[in-house]
Amino acid sequence: MRRLALNIARMHHSKVSMRSKFLHASWSYDFLLDMIRATRRRM
């Protein structure tokens, strides 16, 4: 699960740090869905 979460965060297009991505995803359900959708666009 950890590796999956890291891969999803790496594929997201924003230029902020990984820690910021995880914090923002934990606070915002919309951002979390945006991160997951970003993986589908790259496949």
C-alpha atoms as a PDB file:
ATOM      1  CA  MET A   1       0.000   0.000   0.000  1.00  0.00           C
ATOM      2  CA  ARG A   2       2.838   2.394   0.780  1.00  0.00           C
ATOM      3  CA  ARG A   3       4.411   1.916  -2.630  1.00  0.00           C
ATOM      4  CA  LEU A   4       1.051   2.447  -4.335  1.00  0.00           C
ATOM      5  CA  ALA A   5       0.511   5.700  -2.434  1.00  0.00           C
ATOM      6  CA  LEU A   6       4.002   6.920  -3.369  1.00  0.00           C
ATOM      7  CA  ASN A   7       3.468   6.103  -7.043  1.00  0.00           C
ATOM      8  CA  ILE A   8       0.153   7.962  -7.082  1.00  0.00           C
ATOM      9  CA  ALA A   9       1.741  11.008  -5.470  1.00  0.00           C
ATOM     10  CA  ARG A  10       4.655  10.953  -7.939  1.00  0.00           C
ATOM     11  CA  MET A  11       2.295  10.886 -10.932  1.00  0.00           C
ATOM     12  CA  HIS A  12       0.375  13.942  -9.791  1.00  0.00           C
ATOM     13  CA  HIS A  13       1.192  17.062 -11.807  1.00  0.00           C
ATOM     14  CA  SER A  14       1.663  19.584  -8.981  1.00  0.00           C
ATOM     15  CA  LYS A  15       5.182  20.790  -8.176  1.00  0.00           C
ATOM     16  CA  VAL A  16       4.875  20.753  -4.374  1.00  0.00           C
ATOM     17  CA  SER A  17       6.720  18.315  -2.114  1.00  0.00           C
ATOM     18  CA  MET A  18       5.528  14.780  -1.485  1.00  0.00           C
ATOM     19  CA  ARG A  19       4.771  15.628   2.131  1.00  0.00           C
ATOM     20  CA  SER A  20       2.574  18.532   1.053  1.00  0.00           C
ATOM     21  CA  LYS A  21       0.723  16.305  -1.410  1.00  0.00           C
ATOM     22  CA  PHE A  22      -0.029  13.747   1.291  1.00  0.00           C
ATOM     23  CA  LEU A  23      -1.138  16.393   3.773  1.00  0.00           C
ATOM     24  CA  HIS A  24      -3.358  18.105   1.223  1.00  0.00           C
ATOM     25  CA  ALA A  25      -4.842  14.742   0.179  1.00  0.00           C
ATOM     26  CA  SER A  26      -5.647  13.913   3.799  1.00  0.00           C
ATOM     27  CA  TRP A  27      -7.413  17.257   4.259  1.00  0.00           C
ATOM     28  CA  SER A  28      -9.236  17.456   0.947  1.00  0.00           C
ATOM     29  CA  TYR A  29     -11.253  14.609  -0.549  1.00  0.00           C
ATOM     30  CA  ASP A  30     -11.327  16.454  -3.897  1.00  0.00           C
ATOM     31  CA  PHE A  31      -7.528  16.673  -4.031  1.00  0.00           C
ATOM     32  CA  LEU A  32      -7.261  12.968  -3.214  1.00  0.00           C
ATOM     33  CA  LEU A  33      -9.575  12.128  -6.107  1.00  0.00           C
ATOM     34  CA  ASP A  34      -7.593  14.448  -8.366  1.00  0.00           C
ATOM     35  CA  MET A  35      -4.404  12.567  -7.464  1.00  0.00           C
ATOM     36  CA  ILE A  36      -6.044   9.238  -8.281  1.00  0.00           C
ATOM     37  CA  ARG A  37      -7.433  10.581 -11.560  1.00  0.00           C
ATOM     38  CA  ALA A  38      -3.942  11.752 -12.556  1.00  0.00           C
ATOM     39  CA  THR A  39      -2.774   8.117 -12.608  1.00  0.00           C
ATOM     40  CA  ARG A  40      -5.532   7.167 -15.046  1.00  0.00           C
ATOM     41  CA  ARG A  41      -4.494   9.923 -17.483  1.00  0.00           C
ATOM     42  CA  ARG A  42      -0.910   8.667 -17.639  1.00  0.00           C
ATOM     43  CA  MET A  43      -1.712   5.000 -18.270  1.00  0.00           C
END
